[in-house]
């Protein structure tokens, strides 16, 4: 009488070779996060290149445009919470790397400003163009004022008060002009992503954008 030979699952796997795991397709939520982060990182890199490369972006009567300021405000309005904070911190770090003094001023400012914008958007304000203009104006004005105090007044630069009115304020106005442009462009992008990769949890987040 012949013995009956049985094979367990490990023996079968060793004979037939390793079982290939099928990759699950990305969900709409994962695709939404992926494309959002890719586009926002690309915008940050582009604005960093235009802003901090000499002769890459036009100056008006000596005023420079700080493109990363209105961009990060709008990013914080649409992403909220940790993703927005990390992207804005990335933008500030890039700015610090290209600055004359690597002191972390921009990284710290972007971290705090994005956190403040996220909290206001979560609990107090609605996501619309007026809110973007108000927050953009406040953040830009606060940035130029703090930068002037830290790097001009405290260091005893000659004619510091004149510099504030001839360079910092014109640069703030120049930068603020891009706030509505960034907001409208990002709002249109977020709408298109929401329509292409819909998910139920996004309904409340962007209901006020209609």
C-alpha atoms as a PDB file:
ATOM      1  CA  UNK A   1       0.000   0.000   0.000  1.00  0.00           C
ATOM      2  CA  UNK A   2       1.475   3.295  -1.076  1.00  0.00           C
ATOM      3  CA  UNK A   3       1.675   6.206   1.326  1.00  0.00           C
ATOM      4  CA  UNK A   4      -0.244   9.310   0.394  1.00  0.00           C
ATOM      5  CA  UNK A   5       2.030  12.286   0.013  1.00  0.00           C
ATOM      6  CA  UNK A   6       0.679  15.716   0.973  1.00  0.00           C
ATOM      7  CA  UNK A   7       2.256  19.102   0.408  1.00  0.00           C
ATOM      8  CA  UNK A   8       1.841  22.062   2.667  1.00  0.00           C
ATOM      9  CA  UNK A   9       1.685  25.607   1.393  1.00  0.00           C
ATOM     10  CA  UNK A  10       5.405  26.238   1.879  1.00  0.00           C
ATOM     11  CA  UNK A  11       6.360  23.172  -0.175  1.00  0.00           C
ATOM     12  CA  UNK A  12       4.015  24.221  -2.967  1.00  0.00           C
ATOM     13  CA  UNK A  13       5.437  27.754  -2.939  1.00  0.00           C
ATOM     14  CA  UNK A  14       8.997  26.390  -3.157  1.00  0.00           C
ATOM     15  CA  UNK A  15       8.069  24.240  -6.138  1.00  0.00           C
ATOM     16  CA  UNK A  16       6.039  26.775  -8.054  1.00  0.00           C
ATOM     17  CA  UNK A  17       8.241  29.744  -7.196  1.00  0.00           C
ATOM     18  CA  UNK A  18       7.407  32.924  -5.243  1.00  0.00           C
ATOM     19  CA  UNK A  19       3.883  34.207  -5.499  1.00  0.00           C
ATOM     20  CA  UNK A  20       3.701  37.622  -7.037  1.00  0.00           C
ATOM     21  CA  UNK A  21       1.692  40.150  -5.107  1.00  0.00           C
ATOM     22  CA  UNK A  22      -0.689  42.172  -7.145  1.00  0.00           C
ATOM     23  CA  UNK A  23      -0.254  45.907  -6.720  1.00  0.00           C
ATOM     24  CA  UNK A  24      -3.383  47.650  -5.677  1.00  0.00           C
ATOM     25  CA  UNK A  25      -4.247  50.726  -7.701  1.00  0.00           C
ATOM     26  CA  UNK A  26      -4.015  54.047  -5.941  1.00  0.00           C
ATOM     27  CA  UNK A  27      -7.229  55.299  -4.431  1.00  0.00           C
ATOM     28  CA  UNK A  28      -8.690  58.663  -5.360  1.00  0.00           C
ATOM     29  CA  UNK A  29      -7.513  60.098  -2.065  1.00  0.00           C
ATOM     30  CA  UNK A  30      -3.941  58.922  -2.671  1.00  0.00           C
ATOM     31  CA  UNK A  31      -3.964  60.289  -6.225  1.00  0.00           C
ATOM     32  CA  UNK A  32      -5.344  63.575  -4.943  1.00  0.00           C
ATOM     33  CA  UNK A  33      -2.572  63.908  -2.351  1.00  0.00           C
ATOM     34  CA  UNK A  34       0.108  62.839  -4.822  1.00  0.00           C
ATOM     35  CA  UNK A  35      -0.790  65.325  -7.537  1.00  0.00           C
ATOM     36  CA  UNK A  36      -1.399  68.124  -5.051  1.00  0.00           C
ATOM     37  CA  UNK A  37       2.005  67.699  -3.428  1.00  0.00           C
ATOM     38  CA  UNK A  38       3.799  67.350  -6.769  1.00  0.00           C
ATOM     39  CA  UNK A  39       2.246  70.520  -8.176  1.00  0.00           C
ATOM     40  CA  UNK A  40       2.790  72.538  -5.004  1.00  0.00           C
ATOM     41  CA  UNK A  41       6.432  71.467  -4.709  1.00  0.00           C
ATOM     42  CA  UNK A  42       6.974  72.363  -8.369  1.00  0.00           C
ATOM     43  CA  UNK A  43       5.430  75.808  -7.791  1.00  0.00           C
ATOM     44  CA  UNK A  44       7.631  76.392  -4.764  1.00  0.00           C
ATOM     45  CA  UNK A  45      10.753  75.445  -6.716  1.00  0.00           C
ATOM     46  CA  UNK A  46       9.733  77.651  -9.641  1.00  0.00           C
ATOM     47  CA  UNK A  47       8.981  80.668  -7.454  1.00  0.00           C
ATOM     48  CA  UNK A  48      12.208  80.110  -5.536  1.00  0.00           C
ATOM     49  CA  UNK A  49      14.144  80.072  -8.807  1.00  0.00           C
ATOM     50  CA  UNK A  50      12.446  83.217 -10.134  1.00  0.00           C
ATOM     51  CA  UNK A  51      12.712  85.082  -6.865  1.00  0.00           C
ATOM     52  CA  UNK A  52      16.250  84.294  -5.765  1.00  0.00           C
ATOM     53  CA  UNK A  53      18.107  84.051  -9.073  1.00  0.00           C
ATOM     54  CA  UNK A  54      19.598  87.393 -10.112  1.00  0.00           C
ATOM     55  CA  UNK A  55      17.941  89.007 -13.123  1.00  0.00           C
ATOM     56  CA  UNK A  56      15.427  86.173 -13.334  1.00  0.00           C
ATOM     57  CA  UNK A  57      12.394  88.272 -12.304  1.00  0.00           C
ATOM     58  CA  UNK A  58      11.922  91.980 -13.071  1.00  0.00           C
ATOM     59  CA  UNK A  59      12.370  94.631 -10.388  1.00  0.00           C
ATOM     60  CA  UNK A  60      10.306  97.808 -10.301  1.00  0.00           C
ATOM     61  CA  UNK A  61      12.145 100.928  -9.145  1.00  0.00           C
ATOM     62  CA  UNK A  62      14.415  98.793  -6.986  1.00  0.00           C
ATOM     63  CA  UNK A  63      11.550  96.804  -5.426  1.00  0.00           C
ATOM     64  CA  UNK A  64      11.844  93.025  -5.436  1.00  0.00           C
ATOM     65  CA  UNK A  65       8.980  90.552  -5.585  1.00  0.00           C
ATOM     66  CA  UNK A  66       8.917  87.918  -2.838  1.00  0.00           C
ATOM     67  CA  UNK A  67       6.884  85.322  -4.710  1.00  0.00           C
ATOM     68  CA  UNK A  68       7.155  82.681  -1.998  1.00  0.00           C
ATOM     69  CA  UNK A  69       5.180  84.795   0.485  1.00  0.00           C
ATOM     70  CA  UNK A  70       1.825  84.969  -1.349  1.00  0.00           C
ATOM     71  CA  UNK A  71       2.298  81.430  -2.672  1.00  0.00           C
ATOM     72  CA  UNK A  72       2.734  79.887   0.777  1.00  0.00           C
ATOM     73  CA  UNK A  73      -0.240  81.817   2.149  1.00  0.00           C
ATOM     74  CA  UNK A  74      -2.460  80.364  -0.579  1.00  0.00           C
ATOM     75  CA  UNK A  75      -1.035  76.873  -0.092  1.00  0.00           C
ATOM     76  CA  UNK A  76      -1.814  77.047   3.624  1.00  0.00           C
ATOM     77  CA  UNK A  77      -5.367  78.128   2.811  1.00  0.00           C
ATOM     78  CA  UNK A  78      -6.044  75.092   0.627  1.00  0.00           C
ATOM     79  CA  UNK A  79      -4.109  72.293   2.308  1.00  0.00           C
ATOM     80  CA  UNK A  80      -4.428  73.151   6.013  1.00  0.00           C
ATOM     81  CA  UNK A  81      -2.657  71.457   8.927  1.00  0.00           C
ATOM     82  CA  UNK A  82       0.576  69.441   8.678  1.00  0.00           C
ATOM     83  CA  UNK A  83       0.947  69.114   4.857  1.00  0.00           C
ATOM     84  CA  UNK A  84       0.698  72.882   4.442  1.00  0.00           C
ATOM     85  CA  UNK A  85       3.123  73.527   7.277  1.00  0.00           C
ATOM     86  CA  UNK A  86       5.710  71.130   5.855  1.00  0.00           C
ATOM     87  CA  UNK A  87       5.494  72.629   2.372  1.00  0.00           C
ATOM     88  CA  UNK A  88       5.811  76.164   3.718  1.00  0.00           C
ATOM     89  CA  UNK A  89       8.741  75.118   5.888  1.00  0.00           C
ATOM     90  CA  UNK A  90      10.354  73.654   2.766  1.00  0.00           C
ATOM     91  CA  UNK A  91       9.864  76.979   0.976  1.00  0.00           C
ATOM     92  CA  UNK A  92      11.399  78.932   3.853  1.00  0.00           C
ATOM     93  CA  UNK A  93      14.373  76.584   4.023  1.00  0.00           C
ATOM     94  CA  UNK A  94      15.029  77.051   0.312  1.00  0.00           C
ATOM     95  CA  UNK A  95      14.964  80.790   0.792  1.00  0.00           C
ATOM     96  CA  UNK A  96      17.413  80.558   3.694  1.00  0.00           C
ATOM     97  CA  UNK A  97      19.810  78.430   1.647  1.00  0.00           C
ATOM     98  CA  UNK A  98      19.992  81.078  -1.078  1.00  0.00           C
ATOM     99  CA  UNK A  99      20.113  84.022   1.349  1.00  0.00           C
ATOM    100  CA  UNK A 100      23.299  85.797   2.355  1.00  0.00           C
ATOM    101  CA  UNK A 101      22.956  84.705   5.983  1.00  0.00           C
ATOM    102  CA  UNK A 102      21.816  81.148   6.726  1.00  0.00           C
ATOM    103  CA  UNK A 103      20.146  81.990  10.046  1.00  0.00           C
ATOM    104  CA  UNK A 104      16.797  80.212   9.671  1.00  0.00           C
ATOM    105  CA  UNK A 105      14.767  83.428   9.683  1.00  0.00           C
ATOM    106  CA  UNK A 106      12.660  82.481   6.662  1.00  0.00           C
ATOM    107  CA  UNK A 107      12.106  78.892   7.760  1.00  0.00           C
ATOM    108  CA  UNK A 108      10.891  79.985  11.193  1.00  0.00           C
ATOM    109  CA  UNK A 109       8.684  82.722   9.773  1.00  0.00           C
ATOM    110  CA  UNK A 110       7.106  80.421   7.185  1.00  0.00           C
ATOM    111  CA  UNK A 111       6.522  77.763   9.826  1.00  0.00           C
ATOM    112  CA  UNK A 112       4.723  80.179  12.154  1.00  0.00           C
ATOM    113  CA  UNK A 113       2.812  82.039   9.448  1.00  0.00           C
ATOM    114  CA  UNK A 114       1.521  78.857   7.793  1.00  0.00           C
ATOM    115  CA  UNK A 115       0.437  77.498  11.165  1.00  0.00           C
ATOM    116  CA  UNK A 116      -1.435  80.720  11.875  1.00  0.00           C
ATOM    117  CA  UNK A 117      -3.141  80.703   8.476  1.00  0.00           C
ATOM    118  CA  UNK A 118      -4.158  77.054   8.915  1.00  0.00           C
ATOM    119  CA  UNK A 119      -5.692  77.759  12.330  1.00  0.00           C
ATOM    120  CA  UNK A 120      -7.610  80.757  11.021  1.00  0.00           C
ATOM    121  CA  UNK A 121      -8.918  78.769   8.059  1.00  0.00           C
ATOM    122  CA  UNK A 122      -9.938  75.846  10.262  1.00  0.00           C
ATOM    123  CA  UNK A 123     -11.795  77.797  12.925  1.00  0.00           C
ATOM    124  CA  UNK A 124     -12.517  81.431  11.992  1.00  0.00           C
ATOM    125  CA  UNK A 125     -12.346  82.323   8.294  1.00  0.00           C
ATOM    126  CA  UNK A 126     -13.893  81.172   5.045  1.00  0.00           C
ATOM    127  CA  UNK A 127     -11.847  80.230   2.027  1.00  0.00           C
ATOM    128  CA  UNK A 128     -12.403  83.002  -0.498  1.00  0.00           C
ATOM    129  CA  UNK A 129     -10.524  85.693  -2.387  1.00  0.00           C
ATOM    130  CA  UNK A 130     -11.136  88.398   0.214  1.00  0.00           C
ATOM    131  CA  UNK A 131      -9.678  86.206   2.933  1.00  0.00           C
ATOM    132  CA  UNK A 132      -6.653  85.471   0.750  1.00  0.00           C
ATOM    133  CA  UNK A 133      -6.051  89.184   0.193  1.00  0.00           C
ATOM    134  CA  UNK A 134      -6.356  89.986   3.895  1.00  0.00           C
ATOM    135  CA  UNK A 135      -4.081  87.159   5.021  1.00  0.00           C
ATOM    136  CA  UNK A 136      -1.633  87.811   2.206  1.00  0.00           C
ATOM    137  CA  UNK A 137      -1.369  91.495   3.106  1.00  0.00           C
ATOM    138  CA  UNK A 138      -0.878  90.750   6.805  1.00  0.00           C
ATOM    139  CA  UNK A 139       1.753  88.052   6.256  1.00  0.00           C
ATOM    140  CA  UNK A 140       3.726  90.076   3.701  1.00  0.00           C
ATOM    141  CA  UNK A 141       3.644  93.258   5.790  1.00  0.00           C
ATOM    142  CA  UNK A 142       4.669  91.326   8.901  1.00  0.00           C
ATOM    143  CA  UNK A 143       7.522  89.670   7.030  1.00  0.00           C
ATOM    144  CA  UNK A 144       9.041  92.870   5.615  1.00  0.00           C
ATOM    145  CA  UNK A 145       8.671  94.643   8.962  1.00  0.00           C
ATOM    146  CA  UNK A 146      10.352  91.853  10.933  1.00  0.00           C
ATOM    147  CA  UNK A 147      13.087  91.519   8.327  1.00  0.00           C
ATOM    148  CA  UNK A 148      13.697  95.268   8.454  1.00  0.00           C
ATOM    149  CA  UNK A 149      13.859  95.259  12.253  1.00  0.00           C
ATOM    150  CA  UNK A 150      16.182  92.238  12.458  1.00  0.00           C
ATOM    151  CA  UNK A 151      18.575  92.978   9.629  1.00  0.00           C
ATOM    152  CA  UNK A 152      18.497  96.767   9.343  1.00  0.00           C
ATOM    153  CA  UNK A 153      17.491  98.414  12.609  1.00  0.00           C
ATOM    154  CA  UNK A 154      19.177  96.009  15.041  1.00  0.00           C
ATOM    155  CA  UNK A 155      22.357  96.001  12.996  1.00  0.00           C
ATOM    156  CA  UNK A 156      22.526  99.761  12.909  1.00  0.00           C
ATOM    157  CA  UNK A 157      22.428 100.183   9.127  1.00  0.00           C
ATOM    158  CA  UNK A 158      22.620 103.805   8.048  1.00  0.00           C
ATOM    159  CA  UNK A 159      19.360 105.375   6.871  1.00  0.00           C
ATOM    160  CA  UNK A 160      17.361 102.403   8.086  1.00  0.00           C
ATOM    161  CA  UNK A 161      14.065 104.300   8.170  1.00  0.00           C
ATOM    162  CA  UNK A 162      14.532 105.417   4.582  1.00  0.00           C
ATOM    163  CA  UNK A 163      15.174 101.819   3.525  1.00  0.00           C
ATOM    164  CA  UNK A 164      11.823 100.742   4.948  1.00  0.00           C
ATOM    165  CA  UNK A 165       9.916 103.223   2.789  1.00  0.00           C
ATOM    166  CA  UNK A 166      12.061 102.990  -0.341  1.00  0.00           C
ATOM    167  CA  UNK A 167      12.656  99.239  -0.479  1.00  0.00           C
ATOM    168  CA  UNK A 168      10.611  97.174   1.965  1.00  0.00           C
ATOM    169  CA  UNK A 169       7.171  98.719   1.502  1.00  0.00           C
ATOM    170  CA  UNK A 170       7.420  98.853  -2.330  1.00  0.00           C
ATOM    171  CA  UNK A 171       8.572  95.220  -2.306  1.00  0.00           C
ATOM    172  CA  UNK A 172       5.610  94.327  -0.085  1.00  0.00           C
ATOM    173  CA  UNK A 173       3.163  95.960  -2.513  1.00  0.00           C
ATOM    174  CA  UNK A 174       4.862  94.256  -5.456  1.00  0.00           C
ATOM    175  CA  UNK A 175       4.596  90.872  -3.724  1.00  0.00           C
ATOM    176  CA  UNK A 176       0.999  91.415  -2.644  1.00  0.00           C
ATOM    177  CA  UNK A 177      -0.069  91.944  -6.269  1.00  0.00           C
ATOM    178  CA  UNK A 178       0.472  88.226  -6.887  1.00  0.00           C
ATOM    179  CA  UNK A 179      -1.774  87.086  -4.035  1.00  0.00           C
ATOM    180  CA  UNK A 180      -5.052  87.056  -6.012  1.00  0.00           C
ATOM    181  CA  UNK A 181      -3.296  85.479  -8.998  1.00  0.00           C
ATOM    182  CA  UNK A 182      -1.933  82.613  -6.925  1.00  0.00           C
ATOM    183  CA  UNK A 183      -5.226  82.153  -5.115  1.00  0.00           C
ATOM    184  CA  UNK A 184      -7.344  81.963  -8.273  1.00  0.00           C
ATOM    185  CA  UNK A 185      -4.871  79.611  -9.954  1.00  0.00           C
ATOM    186  CA  UNK A 186      -4.688  77.273  -6.956  1.00  0.00           C
ATOM    187  CA  UNK A 187      -8.444  77.325  -6.469  1.00  0.00           C
ATOM    188  CA  UNK A 188      -8.974  76.284 -10.072  1.00  0.00           C
ATOM    189  CA  UNK A 189      -6.355  73.557  -9.711  1.00  0.00           C
ATOM    190  CA  UNK A 190      -7.914  72.201  -6.508  1.00  0.00           C
ATOM    191  CA  UNK A 191     -11.345  72.145  -8.133  1.00  0.00           C
ATOM    192  CA  UNK A 192     -10.033  70.209 -11.117  1.00  0.00           C
ATOM    193  CA  UNK A 193      -8.283  67.702  -8.846  1.00  0.00           C
ATOM    194  CA  UNK A 194     -11.424  67.298  -6.748  1.00  0.00           C
ATOM    195  CA  UNK A 195     -13.538  66.647  -9.850  1.00  0.00           C
ATOM    196  CA  UNK A 196     -11.033  64.216 -11.316  1.00  0.00           C
ATOM    197  CA  UNK A 197     -10.410  62.291  -8.089  1.00  0.00           C
ATOM    198  CA  UNK A 198     -13.534  62.766  -5.979  1.00  0.00           C
ATOM    199  CA  UNK A 199     -13.842  61.468  -2.462  1.00  0.00           C
ATOM    200  CA  UNK A 200     -16.579  61.860   0.091  1.00  0.00           C
ATOM    201  CA  UNK A 201     -14.391  63.441   2.778  1.00  0.00           C
ATOM    202  CA  UNK A 202     -13.520  66.352   0.491  1.00  0.00           C
ATOM    203  CA  UNK A 203     -17.084  67.546   0.098  1.00  0.00           C
ATOM    204  CA  UNK A 204     -17.052  69.653   3.240  1.00  0.00           C
ATOM    205  CA  UNK A 205     -13.474  70.889   2.812  1.00  0.00           C
ATOM    206  CA  UNK A 206     -14.167  72.618  -0.482  1.00  0.00           C
ATOM    207  CA  UNK A 207     -17.877  73.323  -0.306  1.00  0.00           C
ATOM    208  CA  UNK A 208     -17.182  77.009   0.227  1.00  0.00           C
ATOM    209  CA  UNK A 209     -15.148  77.218  -3.004  1.00  0.00           C
ATOM    210  CA  UNK A 210     -18.198  76.921  -5.228  1.00  0.00           C
END
